[in-house]
Amino acid sequence: MSDETLLGSWEAALPGFPTLGAALLDRYDEPTRRYHDRRHLAEVLAGVQLLGDHAADVVAVQLAAWFHDAVYEVDRTDNEEQSARLAAEQLASAAVHPGVIAEVGRLVRLTATHRPHEQDTNGAVLCDADLAVLASDPRRYAEYTAEVRAEYAALDDATFGSGRAGVLRQLLGLPSLFGTPEGQRHWEEAARRNLRRELAALTA
């Protein structure tokens, strides 16, 4: 998405506060980011748009998508918590309803685990959109894995490979990677195929 398209999606979710959206875009442009950048933001927003009919509050999901990686440092374990706190602060400054702010914060925190409850339609939409890259075509999936590796450039190959393999095994062990009917129908098989292929390459 172009800057204009991205900021248009922000304006649709929170009209009248363009500087907040522009400041968030600047965060996704931080030089240390290789995967969790504006391309990822655009892909998640596209996923939310695709799945939005399943959400109980699609605006809250859109806002959560914007904030979900607003704070991202590879050596931190509280990125989601800090992103949720940033969302609360900035949305309060825009006079967003407290109930919406609370829901956005809950959704942002949920992306730490990607395990929404069965009836959590907002959570399922956001988590599916965030994980949709796993079902990418081979070219995009290869780019994604290279980008993730680049974010962890400080780790040697053995350390990174061991940690990444653990993540892949955890994902493959889930009953389902996706919570929406569309996600399960269109992305589940391709995502598992990509994950198995990556795991095999790491452990060969």
N, C-alpha and C. Protein backbone atom coordinates (compact mmCIF):
# COMPACT_ATOMS: atom_id res chain seq x y z
N MET A 1 0.84 -1.19 0.00
CA MET A 1 0.00 0.00 0.00
C MET A 1 0.88 1.25 0.00
N SER A 2 0.43 2.27 -0.71
CA SER A 2 1.12 3.55 -0.68
C SER A 2 0.84 4.25 0.64
N ASP A 3 1.63 5.29 0.93
CA ASP A 3 1.37 6.09 2.13
C ASP A 3 -0.05 6.62 2.12
N GLU A 4 -0.48 7.08 0.95
CA GLU A 4 -1.83 7.66 0.84
C GLU A 4 -2.89 6.63 1.18
N THR A 5 -2.72 5.40 0.69
CA THR A 5 -3.69 4.35 0.96
C THR A 5 -3.67 3.96 2.43
N LEU A 6 -2.47 3.81 2.99
CA LEU A 6 -2.36 3.47 4.40
C LEU A 6 -3.00 4.54 5.28
N LEU A 7 -2.66 5.78 5.02
CA LEU A 7 -3.21 6.85 5.84
C LEU A 7 -4.71 7.02 5.61
N GLY A 8 -5.17 6.65 4.42
CA GLY A 8 -6.61 6.64 4.18
C GLY A 8 -7.31 5.62 5.04
N SER A 9 -6.67 4.46 5.24
CA SER A 9 -7.27 3.44 6.10
C SER A 9 -7.27 3.90 7.55
N TRP A 10 -6.23 4.64 7.95
CA TRP A 10 -6.21 5.20 9.30
C TRP A 10 -7.34 6.21 9.47
N GLU A 11 -7.51 7.07 8.49
CA GLU A 11 -8.56 8.10 8.56
C GLU A 11 -9.94 7.47 8.64
N ALA A 12 -10.12 6.34 7.94
CA ALA A 12 -11.41 5.66 7.99
C ALA A 12 -11.68 5.10 9.39
N ALA A 13 -10.62 4.65 10.06
CA ALA A 13 -10.79 4.08 11.40
C ALA A 13 -10.90 5.16 12.47
N LEU A 14 -10.14 6.25 12.31
CA LEU A 14 -10.12 7.31 13.31
C LEU A 14 -10.07 8.66 12.60
N PRO A 15 -11.21 9.14 12.14
CA PRO A 15 -11.23 10.39 11.37
C PRO A 15 -10.76 11.59 12.20
N GLY A 16 -10.01 12.46 11.55
CA GLY A 16 -9.65 13.72 12.16
C GLY A 16 -8.34 13.75 12.92
N PHE A 17 -7.59 12.65 12.89
CA PHE A 17 -6.33 12.61 13.63
C PHE A 17 -5.20 12.07 12.73
N PRO A 18 -4.94 12.74 11.61
CA PRO A 18 -3.94 12.24 10.66
C PRO A 18 -2.53 12.19 11.23
N THR A 19 -2.21 13.10 12.16
CA THR A 19 -0.84 13.10 12.69
C THR A 19 -0.56 11.85 13.52
N LEU A 20 -1.58 11.30 14.17
CA LEU A 20 -1.38 10.06 14.92
C LEU A 20 -1.05 8.91 13.96
N GLY A 21 -1.77 8.84 12.85
CA GLY A 21 -1.49 7.80 11.87
C GLY A 21 -0.11 7.95 11.26
N ALA A 22 0.28 9.18 10.94
CA ALA A 22 1.60 9.42 10.37
C ALA A 22 2.70 9.04 11.35
N ALA A 23 2.49 9.33 12.63
CA ALA A 23 3.49 8.97 13.64
C ALA A 23 3.61 7.46 13.78
N LEU A 24 2.50 6.75 13.66
CA LEU A 24 2.56 5.29 13.70
C LEU A 24 3.32 4.74 12.50
N LEU A 25 3.08 5.30 11.33
CA LEU A 25 3.82 4.86 10.15
C LEU A 25 5.32 5.05 10.35
N ASP A 26 5.70 6.14 10.98
CA ASP A 26 7.13 6.38 11.25
C ASP A 26 7.70 5.26 12.12
N ARG A 27 6.91 4.77 13.06
CA ARG A 27 7.39 3.67 13.90
C ARG A 27 7.66 2.42 13.07
N TYR A 28 6.78 2.13 12.12
CA TYR A 28 6.96 0.94 11.29
C TYR A 28 8.12 1.11 10.30
N ASP A 29 8.63 2.33 10.18
CA ASP A 29 9.78 2.59 9.31
C ASP A 29 11.10 2.60 10.07
N GLU A 30 11.10 2.24 11.34
CA GLU A 30 12.34 2.24 12.11
C GLU A 30 13.38 1.35 11.44
N PRO A 31 14.64 1.78 11.40
CA PRO A 31 15.65 1.08 10.60
C PRO A 31 15.98 -0.33 11.06
N THR A 32 15.67 -0.67 12.31
CA THR A 32 15.96 -2.02 12.79
C THR A 32 14.92 -3.04 12.34
N ARG A 33 13.83 -2.58 11.78
CA ARG A 33 12.77 -3.49 11.36
C ARG A 33 13.06 -4.04 9.97
N ARG A 34 12.84 -5.35 9.84
CA ARG A 34 12.98 -5.99 8.53
C ARG A 34 11.68 -6.68 8.12
N TYR A 35 11.00 -7.29 9.08
CA TYR A 35 9.69 -7.88 8.79
C TYR A 35 8.56 -7.05 9.39
N HIS A 36 8.71 -6.63 10.64
CA HIS A 36 7.63 -5.91 11.32
C HIS A 36 7.63 -4.44 10.92
N ASP A 37 7.46 -4.22 9.63
CA ASP A 37 7.55 -2.88 9.06
C ASP A 37 6.22 -2.50 8.40
N ARG A 38 6.23 -1.46 7.59
CA ARG A 38 4.97 -0.99 7.01
C ARG A 38 4.39 -2.00 6.02
N ARG A 39 5.22 -2.82 5.41
CA ARG A 39 4.68 -3.85 4.53
C ARG A 39 3.85 -4.84 5.35
N HIS A 40 4.37 -5.23 6.50
CA HIS A 40 3.61 -6.11 7.39
C HIS A 40 2.32 -5.43 7.83
N LEU A 41 2.40 -4.17 8.21
CA LEU A 41 1.20 -3.43 8.60
C LEU A 41 0.17 -3.46 7.47
N ALA A 42 0.62 -3.19 6.25
CA ALA A 42 -0.30 -3.19 5.11
C ALA A 42 -0.93 -4.56 4.90
N GLU A 43 -0.14 -5.62 5.06
CA GLU A 43 -0.67 -6.97 4.88
C GLU A 43 -1.70 -7.30 5.96
N VAL A 44 -1.44 -6.89 7.19
CA VAL A 44 -2.40 -7.15 8.26
C VAL A 44 -3.68 -6.37 8.03
N LEU A 45 -3.56 -5.11 7.63
CA LEU A 45 -4.75 -4.32 7.35
C LEU A 45 -5.56 -4.92 6.20
N ALA A 46 -4.87 -5.44 5.19
CA ALA A 46 -5.58 -6.10 4.09
C ALA A 46 -6.31 -7.34 4.58
N GLY A 47 -5.68 -8.07 5.49
CA GLY A 47 -6.34 -9.24 6.06
C GLY A 47 -7.56 -8.88 6.87
N VAL A 48 -7.46 -7.81 7.64
CA VAL A 48 -8.61 -7.34 8.43
C VAL A 48 -9.75 -6.94 7.50
N GLN A 49 -9.40 -6.26 6.41
CA GLN A 49 -10.44 -5.87 5.46
C GLN A 49 -11.12 -7.10 4.85
N LEU A 50 -10.34 -8.12 4.55
CA LEU A 50 -10.88 -9.34 3.96
C LEU A 50 -11.79 -10.08 4.92
N LEU A 51 -11.41 -10.11 6.19
CA LEU A 51 -12.13 -10.91 7.19
C LEU A 51 -13.08 -10.09 8.04
N GLY A 52 -13.16 -8.79 7.80
CA GLY A 52 -13.84 -7.88 8.70
C GLY A 52 -15.29 -8.19 8.98
N ASP A 53 -15.98 -8.86 8.06
CA ASP A 53 -17.39 -9.17 8.30
C ASP A 53 -17.59 -10.08 9.51
N HIS A 54 -16.54 -10.77 9.92
CA HIS A 54 -16.65 -11.67 11.08
C HIS A 54 -16.45 -10.94 12.41
N ALA A 55 -15.96 -9.71 12.36
CA ALA A 55 -15.65 -8.99 13.59
C ALA A 55 -16.90 -8.36 14.18
N ALA A 56 -16.97 -8.38 15.50
CA ALA A 56 -18.07 -7.69 16.18
C ALA A 56 -17.86 -6.18 16.15
N ASP A 57 -16.61 -5.74 16.14
CA ASP A 57 -16.27 -4.31 16.11
C ASP A 57 -15.06 -4.15 15.19
N VAL A 58 -15.32 -3.99 13.91
CA VAL A 58 -14.22 -3.97 12.95
C VAL A 58 -13.34 -2.74 13.12
N VAL A 59 -13.89 -1.63 13.61
CA VAL A 59 -13.06 -0.44 13.83
C VAL A 59 -12.03 -0.70 14.93
N ALA A 60 -12.45 -1.36 16.00
CA ALA A 60 -11.50 -1.70 17.06
C ALA A 60 -10.41 -2.62 16.52
N VAL A 61 -10.78 -3.55 15.64
CA VAL A 61 -9.79 -4.46 15.06
C VAL A 61 -8.83 -3.69 14.16
N GLN A 62 -9.36 -2.75 13.37
CA GLN A 62 -8.50 -1.94 12.51
C GLN A 62 -7.51 -1.12 13.34
N LEU A 63 -7.99 -0.51 14.40
CA LEU A 63 -7.10 0.27 15.25
C LEU A 63 -6.06 -0.63 15.91
N ALA A 64 -6.48 -1.81 16.34
CA ALA A 64 -5.53 -2.75 16.95
C ALA A 64 -4.48 -3.18 15.93
N ALA A 65 -4.88 -3.36 14.68
CA ALA A 65 -3.90 -3.71 13.65
C ALA A 65 -2.85 -2.62 13.52
N TRP A 66 -3.27 -1.38 13.56
CA TRP A 66 -2.31 -0.27 13.46
C TRP A 66 -1.33 -0.26 14.63
N PHE A 67 -1.82 -0.59 15.81
CA PHE A 67 -0.97 -0.47 17.00
C PHE A 67 -0.25 -1.77 17.37
N HIS A 68 -0.57 -2.90 16.74
CA HIS A 68 -0.14 -4.18 17.31
C HIS A 68 1.38 -4.35 17.33
N ASP A 69 2.09 -3.74 16.40
CA ASP A 69 3.56 -3.78 16.42
C ASP A 69 4.15 -2.37 16.50
N ALA A 70 3.40 -1.45 17.09
CA ALA A 70 3.89 -0.07 17.17
C ALA A 70 5.20 0.00 17.94
N VAL A 71 5.33 -0.82 18.96
CA VAL A 71 6.59 -0.97 19.68
C VAL A 71 7.14 -2.34 19.32
N TYR A 72 8.33 -2.37 18.72
CA TYR A 72 8.91 -3.66 18.36
C TYR A 72 10.43 -3.59 18.44
N GLU A 73 10.98 -4.33 19.39
CA GLU A 73 12.42 -4.50 19.51
C GLU A 73 12.67 -5.98 19.76
N VAL A 74 13.58 -6.57 18.99
CA VAL A 74 13.73 -8.03 19.03
C VAL A 74 14.20 -8.54 20.39
N ASP A 75 14.87 -7.70 21.16
CA ASP A 75 15.39 -8.17 22.45
C ASP A 75 14.45 -7.87 23.61
N ARG A 76 13.22 -7.45 23.31
CA ARG A 76 12.23 -7.21 24.35
C ARG A 76 11.22 -8.34 24.37
N THR A 77 10.66 -8.60 25.54
CA THR A 77 9.61 -9.60 25.66
C THR A 77 8.25 -8.96 25.95
N ASP A 78 8.21 -7.63 25.98
CA ASP A 78 6.97 -6.94 26.33
C ASP A 78 6.51 -6.01 25.21
N ASN A 79 6.84 -6.33 23.97
CA ASN A 79 6.45 -5.45 22.87
C ASN A 79 4.95 -5.24 22.79
N GLU A 80 4.19 -6.33 22.93
CA GLU A 80 2.74 -6.21 22.83
C GLU A 80 2.17 -5.37 23.97
N GLU A 81 2.70 -5.57 25.17
CA GLU A 81 2.23 -4.78 26.31
C GLU A 81 2.54 -3.30 26.11
N GLN A 82 3.74 -3.00 25.65
CA GLN A 82 4.10 -1.61 25.43
C GLN A 82 3.30 -1.01 24.27
N SER A 83 3.02 -1.81 23.26
CA SER A 83 2.19 -1.33 22.15
C SER A 83 0.77 -1.04 22.63
N ALA A 84 0.24 -1.90 23.49
CA ALA A 84 -1.10 -1.69 24.03
C ALA A 84 -1.16 -0.43 24.88
N ARG A 85 -0.13 -0.19 25.65
CA ARG A 85 -0.10 1.03 26.48
C ARG A 85 -0.01 2.27 25.61
N LEU A 86 0.78 2.19 24.55
CA LEU A 86 0.86 3.32 23.61
C LEU A 86 -0.50 3.58 22.98
N ALA A 87 -1.19 2.51 22.60
CA ALA A 87 -2.52 2.66 22.02
C ALA A 87 -3.46 3.35 22.99
N ALA A 88 -3.44 2.93 24.24
CA ALA A 88 -4.32 3.54 25.24
C ALA A 88 -4.04 5.03 25.39
N GLU A 89 -2.78 5.38 25.43
CA GLU A 89 -2.39 6.78 25.60
C GLU A 89 -2.81 7.62 24.39
N GLN A 90 -2.52 7.13 23.20
CA GLN A 90 -2.79 7.94 22.01
C GLN A 90 -4.28 7.98 21.68
N LEU A 91 -4.98 6.88 21.87
CA LEU A 91 -6.41 6.89 21.59
C LEU A 91 -7.17 7.74 22.61
N ALA A 92 -6.71 7.75 23.85
CA ALA A 92 -7.33 8.63 24.84
C ALA A 92 -7.15 10.09 24.45
N SER A 93 -5.99 10.42 23.89
CA SER A 93 -5.75 11.80 23.46
C SER A 93 -6.66 12.20 22.31
N ALA A 94 -7.18 11.19 21.59
CA ALA A 94 -8.11 11.45 20.49
C ALA A 94 -9.56 11.31 20.93
N ALA A 95 -9.78 11.21 22.25
CA ALA A 95 -11.13 11.13 22.82
C ALA A 95 -11.91 9.92 22.33
N VAL A 96 -11.21 8.82 22.07
CA VAL A 96 -11.88 7.57 21.71
C VAL A 96 -12.59 7.02 22.94
N HIS A 97 -13.73 6.39 22.73
CA HIS A 97 -14.52 5.85 23.84
C HIS A 97 -13.68 4.86 24.66
N PRO A 98 -13.75 4.95 25.99
CA PRO A 98 -12.94 4.05 26.83
C PRO A 98 -13.16 2.57 26.53
N GLY A 99 -14.37 2.20 26.17
CA GLY A 99 -14.62 0.80 25.85
C GLY A 99 -13.87 0.35 24.62
N VAL A 100 -13.78 1.22 23.63
CA VAL A 100 -13.02 0.90 22.42
C VAL A 100 -11.53 0.82 22.74
N ILE A 101 -11.06 1.76 23.56
CA ILE A 101 -9.64 1.74 23.94
C ILE A 101 -9.30 0.43 24.65
N ALA A 102 -10.17 0.00 25.55
CA ALA A 102 -9.92 -1.25 26.26
C ALA A 102 -9.89 -2.44 25.31
N GLU A 103 -10.80 -2.44 24.34
CA GLU A 103 -10.83 -3.55 23.38
C GLU A 103 -9.60 -3.54 22.48
N VAL A 104 -9.17 -2.37 22.05
CA VAL A 104 -7.95 -2.29 21.25
C VAL A 104 -6.76 -2.83 22.04
N GLY A 105 -6.65 -2.43 23.29
CA GLY A 105 -5.55 -2.92 24.12
C GLY A 105 -5.60 -4.43 24.29
N ARG A 106 -6.79 -4.96 24.52
CA ARG A 106 -6.93 -6.41 24.66
C ARG A 106 -6.47 -7.12 23.39
N LEU A 107 -6.88 -6.60 22.25
CA LEU A 107 -6.53 -7.23 20.98
C LEU A 107 -5.03 -7.16 20.71
N VAL A 108 -4.43 -6.02 20.99
CA VAL A 108 -2.98 -5.89 20.79
C VAL A 108 -2.25 -6.91 21.67
N ARG A 109 -2.65 -7.03 22.91
CA ARG A 109 -2.01 -8.00 23.81
C ARG A 109 -2.21 -9.43 23.32
N LEU A 110 -3.34 -9.69 22.69
CA LEU A 110 -3.64 -11.03 22.20
C LEU A 110 -2.65 -11.48 21.13
N THR A 111 -2.05 -10.55 20.41
CA THR A 111 -1.11 -10.94 19.36
C THR A 111 0.19 -11.51 19.93
N ALA A 112 0.35 -11.48 21.24
CA ALA A 112 1.50 -12.14 21.85
C ALA A 112 1.36 -13.66 21.79
N THR A 113 0.12 -14.15 21.75
CA THR A 113 -0.11 -15.60 21.76
C THR A 113 -0.86 -16.09 20.53
N HIS A 114 -1.66 -15.21 19.91
CA HIS A 114 -2.51 -15.61 18.78
C HIS A 114 -3.43 -16.77 19.16
N ARG A 115 -3.99 -16.70 20.36
CA ARG A 115 -4.87 -17.77 20.82
C ARG A 115 -6.20 -17.17 21.32
N PRO A 116 -7.02 -16.64 20.44
CA PRO A 116 -8.31 -16.09 20.88
C PRO A 116 -9.25 -17.20 21.33
N HIS A 117 -10.16 -16.85 22.22
CA HIS A 117 -11.20 -17.79 22.62
C HIS A 117 -12.12 -18.05 21.43
N GLU A 118 -12.83 -19.15 21.49
CA GLU A 118 -13.65 -19.58 20.35
C GLU A 118 -14.68 -18.53 19.95
N GLN A 119 -15.24 -17.81 20.91
CA GLN A 119 -16.27 -16.82 20.61
C GLN A 119 -15.70 -15.41 20.39
N ASP A 120 -14.41 -15.28 20.40
CA ASP A 120 -13.77 -13.97 20.26
C ASP A 120 -13.58 -13.65 18.78
N THR A 121 -14.62 -13.11 18.16
CA THR A 121 -14.55 -12.87 16.72
C THR A 121 -13.56 -11.75 16.38
N ASN A 122 -13.51 -10.71 17.21
CA ASN A 122 -12.53 -9.65 16.97
C ASN A 122 -11.11 -10.21 17.02
N GLY A 123 -10.85 -11.01 18.04
CA GLY A 123 -9.52 -11.59 18.19
C GLY A 123 -9.17 -12.52 17.06
N ALA A 124 -10.14 -13.31 16.60
CA ALA A 124 -9.88 -14.24 15.50
C ALA A 124 -9.52 -13.48 14.23
N VAL A 125 -10.22 -12.39 13.96
CA VAL A 125 -9.94 -11.62 12.74
C VAL A 125 -8.53 -11.03 12.80
N LEU A 126 -8.18 -10.41 13.92
CA LEU A 126 -6.85 -9.80 14.02
C LEU A 126 -5.75 -10.85 13.96
N CYS A 127 -5.90 -11.93 14.71
CA CYS A 127 -4.86 -12.95 14.74
C CYS A 127 -4.71 -13.63 13.38
N ASP A 128 -5.82 -13.90 12.71
CA ASP A 128 -5.74 -14.50 11.38
C ASP A 128 -5.03 -13.56 10.41
N ALA A 129 -5.36 -12.28 10.48
CA ALA A 129 -4.71 -11.31 9.59
C ALA A 129 -3.22 -11.23 9.87
N ASP A 130 -2.84 -11.32 11.14
CA ASP A 130 -1.44 -11.23 11.52
C ASP A 130 -0.65 -12.47 11.07
N LEU A 131 -1.31 -13.62 11.04
CA LEU A 131 -0.65 -14.87 10.67
C LEU A 131 -0.83 -15.24 9.20
N ALA A 132 -1.56 -14.44 8.45
CA ALA A 132 -1.85 -14.80 7.06
C ALA A 132 -0.59 -14.96 6.22
N VAL A 133 0.48 -14.28 6.60
CA VAL A 133 1.74 -14.41 5.85
C VAL A 133 2.23 -15.85 5.82
N LEU A 134 1.85 -16.65 6.80
CA LEU A 134 2.28 -18.04 6.84
C LEU A 134 1.74 -18.83 5.65
N ALA A 135 0.66 -18.36 5.06
CA ALA A 135 0.05 -19.05 3.92
C ALA A 135 0.45 -18.44 2.58
N SER A 136 1.49 -17.62 2.59
CA SER A 136 1.91 -16.93 1.37
C SER A 136 2.40 -17.90 0.31
N ASP A 137 2.48 -17.41 -0.92
CA ASP A 137 3.10 -18.19 -1.98
C ASP A 137 4.59 -18.36 -1.66
N PRO A 138 5.25 -19.32 -2.30
CA PRO A 138 6.65 -19.61 -1.93
C PRO A 138 7.59 -18.41 -1.98
N ARG A 139 7.41 -17.52 -2.96
CA ARG A 139 8.29 -16.36 -3.05
C ARG A 139 8.12 -15.44 -1.85
N ARG A 140 6.88 -15.11 -1.51
CA ARG A 140 6.65 -14.22 -0.37
C ARG A 140 7.05 -14.90 0.93
N TYR A 141 6.81 -16.20 1.04
CA TYR A 141 7.19 -16.88 2.28
C TYR A 141 8.71 -16.87 2.45
N ALA A 142 9.44 -17.03 1.36
CA ALA A 142 10.90 -16.97 1.44
C ALA A 142 11.36 -15.58 1.86
N GLU A 143 10.70 -14.55 1.33
CA GLU A 143 11.02 -13.18 1.75
C GLU A 143 10.74 -12.99 3.23
N TYR A 144 9.60 -13.50 3.68
CA TYR A 144 9.22 -13.38 5.09
C TYR A 144 10.26 -14.03 6.00
N THR A 145 10.67 -15.25 5.68
CA THR A 145 11.64 -15.92 6.54
C THR A 145 12.99 -15.20 6.53
N ALA A 146 13.37 -14.66 5.37
CA ALA A 146 14.62 -13.90 5.30
C ALA A 146 14.53 -12.62 6.13
N GLU A 147 13.37 -11.99 6.11
CA GLU A 147 13.18 -10.76 6.88
C GLU A 147 13.22 -11.05 8.38
N VAL A 148 12.60 -12.14 8.80
CA VAL A 148 12.65 -12.51 10.21
C VAL A 148 14.09 -12.80 10.62
N ARG A 149 14.81 -13.52 9.78
CA ARG A 149 16.22 -13.82 10.10
C ARG A 149 17.03 -12.54 10.22
N ALA A 150 16.76 -11.57 9.35
CA ALA A 150 17.50 -10.30 9.38
C ALA A 150 17.23 -9.53 10.67
N GLU A 151 16.02 -9.64 11.20
CA GLU A 151 15.73 -8.96 12.46
C GLU A 151 16.52 -9.56 13.62
N TYR A 152 16.89 -10.82 13.48
CA TYR A 152 17.66 -11.50 14.52
C TYR A 152 19.11 -11.71 14.08
N ALA A 153 19.63 -10.74 13.34
CA ALA A 153 20.99 -10.87 12.80
C ALA A 153 22.04 -11.00 13.89
N ALA A 154 21.74 -10.53 15.09
CA ALA A 154 22.71 -10.61 16.19
C ALA A 154 22.91 -12.04 16.68
N LEU A 155 21.99 -12.95 16.34
CA LEU A 155 22.11 -14.34 16.76
C LEU A 155 22.87 -15.15 15.72
N ASP A 156 23.68 -16.09 16.19
CA ASP A 156 24.34 -16.99 15.24
C ASP A 156 23.30 -17.96 14.68
N ASP A 157 23.67 -18.64 13.60
CA ASP A 157 22.72 -19.50 12.90
C ASP A 157 22.18 -20.62 13.78
N ALA A 158 23.04 -21.20 14.60
CA ALA A 158 22.60 -22.32 15.43
C ALA A 158 21.57 -21.86 16.46
N THR A 159 21.82 -20.73 17.09
CA THR A 159 20.90 -20.23 18.10
C THR A 159 19.57 -19.83 17.47
N PHE A 160 19.67 -19.10 16.36
CA PHE A 160 18.43 -18.70 15.69
C PHE A 160 17.66 -19.92 15.20
N GLY A 161 18.35 -20.86 14.58
CA GLY A 161 17.68 -22.03 14.02
C GLY A 161 16.97 -22.84 15.08
N SER A 162 17.60 -22.99 16.24
CA SER A 162 16.98 -23.74 17.32
C SER A 162 15.72 -23.05 17.81
N GLY A 163 15.80 -21.74 18.01
CA GLY A 163 14.64 -20.99 18.48
C GLY A 163 13.53 -20.97 17.45
N ARG A 164 13.89 -20.77 16.20
CA ARG A 164 12.89 -20.72 15.14
C ARG A 164 12.21 -22.08 14.98
N ALA A 165 12.97 -23.15 15.06
CA ALA A 165 12.39 -24.48 14.96
C ALA A 165 11.38 -24.72 16.07
N GLY A 166 11.68 -24.22 17.26
CA GLY A 166 10.74 -24.36 18.36
C GLY A 166 9.43 -23.63 18.09
N VAL A 167 9.53 -22.44 17.51
CA VAL A 167 8.33 -21.68 17.15
C VAL A 167 7.52 -22.45 16.12
N LEU A 168 8.19 -22.99 15.12
CA LEU A 168 7.48 -23.72 14.06
C LEU A 168 6.79 -24.96 14.61
N ARG A 169 7.46 -25.68 15.49
CA ARG A 169 6.84 -26.87 16.09
C ARG A 169 5.61 -26.49 16.92
N GLN A 170 5.72 -25.38 17.63
CA GLN A 170 4.59 -24.92 18.43
C GLN A 170 3.40 -24.59 17.54
N LEU A 171 3.66 -23.90 16.44
CA LEU A 171 2.58 -23.55 15.52
C LEU A 171 1.96 -24.80 14.90
N LEU A 172 2.80 -25.73 14.47
CA LEU A 172 2.30 -26.95 13.85
C LEU A 172 1.53 -27.82 14.83
N GLY A 173 1.79 -27.65 16.12
CA GLY A 173 1.09 -28.42 17.13
C GLY A 173 -0.29 -27.90 17.48
N LEU A 174 -0.63 -26.71 16.98
CA LEU A 174 -1.95 -26.15 17.26
C LEU A 174 -3.03 -26.91 16.48
N PRO A 175 -4.21 -27.08 17.07
CA PRO A 175 -5.30 -27.74 16.33
C PRO A 175 -5.64 -27.00 15.05
N SER A 176 -5.59 -25.68 15.09
CA SER A 176 -5.82 -24.86 13.91
C SER A 176 -5.02 -23.58 14.05
N LEU A 177 -4.42 -23.13 12.97
CA LEU A 177 -3.68 -21.88 12.99
C LEU A 177 -4.60 -20.67 12.90
N PHE A 178 -5.77 -20.87 12.33
CA PHE A 178 -6.67 -19.76 12.03
C PHE A 178 -8.03 -19.97 12.69
N GLY A 179 -8.64 -18.86 13.09
CA GLY A 179 -9.88 -18.94 13.84
C GLY A 179 -11.13 -18.59 13.07
N THR A 180 -10.98 -17.92 11.93
CA THR A 180 -12.16 -17.59 11.12
C THR A 180 -12.40 -18.69 10.09
N PRO A 181 -13.64 -18.84 9.65
CA PRO A 181 -13.90 -19.86 8.61
C PRO A 181 -13.08 -19.64 7.35
N GLU A 182 -12.94 -18.38 6.92
CA GLU A 182 -12.15 -18.10 5.72
C GLU A 182 -10.68 -18.45 5.93
N GLY A 183 -10.15 -18.10 7.09
CA GLY A 183 -8.77 -18.43 7.37
C GLY A 183 -8.52 -19.92 7.35
N GLN A 184 -9.41 -20.66 7.98
CA GLN A 184 -9.25 -22.11 8.00
C GLN A 184 -9.40 -22.71 6.60
N ARG A 185 -10.33 -22.18 5.84
CA ARG A 185 -10.62 -22.74 4.52
C ARG A 185 -9.54 -22.40 3.50
N HIS A 186 -9.06 -21.16 3.52
CA HIS A 186 -8.17 -20.70 2.46
C HIS A 186 -6.69 -20.71 2.84
N TRP A 187 -6.36 -20.67 4.12
CA TRP A 187 -4.96 -20.48 4.52
C TRP A 187 -4.36 -21.65 5.29
N GLU A 188 -5.19 -22.45 5.94
CA GLU A 188 -4.66 -23.47 6.86
C GLU A 188 -3.70 -24.43 6.15
N GLU A 189 -4.13 -25.02 5.06
CA GLU A 189 -3.32 -26.03 4.39
C GLU A 189 -2.01 -25.44 3.87
N ALA A 190 -2.09 -24.27 3.23
CA ALA A 190 -0.88 -23.64 2.68
C ALA A 190 0.08 -23.25 3.80
N ALA A 191 -0.45 -22.74 4.90
CA ALA A 191 0.41 -22.33 6.01
C ALA A 191 1.14 -23.53 6.59
N ARG A 192 0.43 -24.61 6.81
CA ARG A 192 1.08 -25.80 7.37
C ARG A 192 2.12 -26.37 6.41
N ARG A 193 1.85 -26.29 5.14
CA ARG A 193 2.83 -26.76 4.16
C ARG A 193 4.11 -25.91 4.23
N ASN A 194 3.95 -24.59 4.31
CA ASN A 194 5.11 -23.71 4.42
C ASN A 194 5.88 -23.95 5.71
N LEU A 195 5.16 -24.12 6.81
CA LEU A 195 5.82 -24.34 8.10
C LEU A 195 6.59 -25.65 8.11
N ARG A 196 5.99 -26.70 7.57
CA ARG A 196 6.69 -27.99 7.52
C ARG A 196 7.93 -27.92 6.65
N ARG A 197 7.84 -27.21 5.53
CA ARG A 197 8.99 -27.08 4.64
C ARG A 197 10.11 -26.30 5.32
N GLU A 198 9.76 -25.22 6.00
CA GLU A 198 10.78 -24.43 6.69
C GLU A 198 11.43 -25.24 7.81
N LEU A 199 10.62 -25.96 8.57
CA LEU A 199 11.15 -26.77 9.67
C LEU A 199 12.09 -27.85 9.14
N ALA A 200 11.72 -28.47 8.05
CA ALA A 200 12.58 -29.51 7.46
C ALA A 200 13.92 -28.92 7.04
N ALA A 201 13.90 -27.71 6.48
CA ALA A 201 15.15 -27.07 6.05
C ALA A 201 16.03 -26.72 7.25
N LEU A 202 15.40 -26.29 8.33
CA LEU A 202 16.17 -25.90 9.52
C LEU A 202 16.79 -27.10 10.23
N THR A 203 16.14 -28.24 10.13
CA THR A 203 16.58 -29.41 10.90
C THR A 203 17.27 -30.46 10.03
N ALA A 204 17.50 -30.13 8.77
CA ALA A 204 18.14 -31.10 7.86
C ALA A 204 19.59 -31.36 8.28
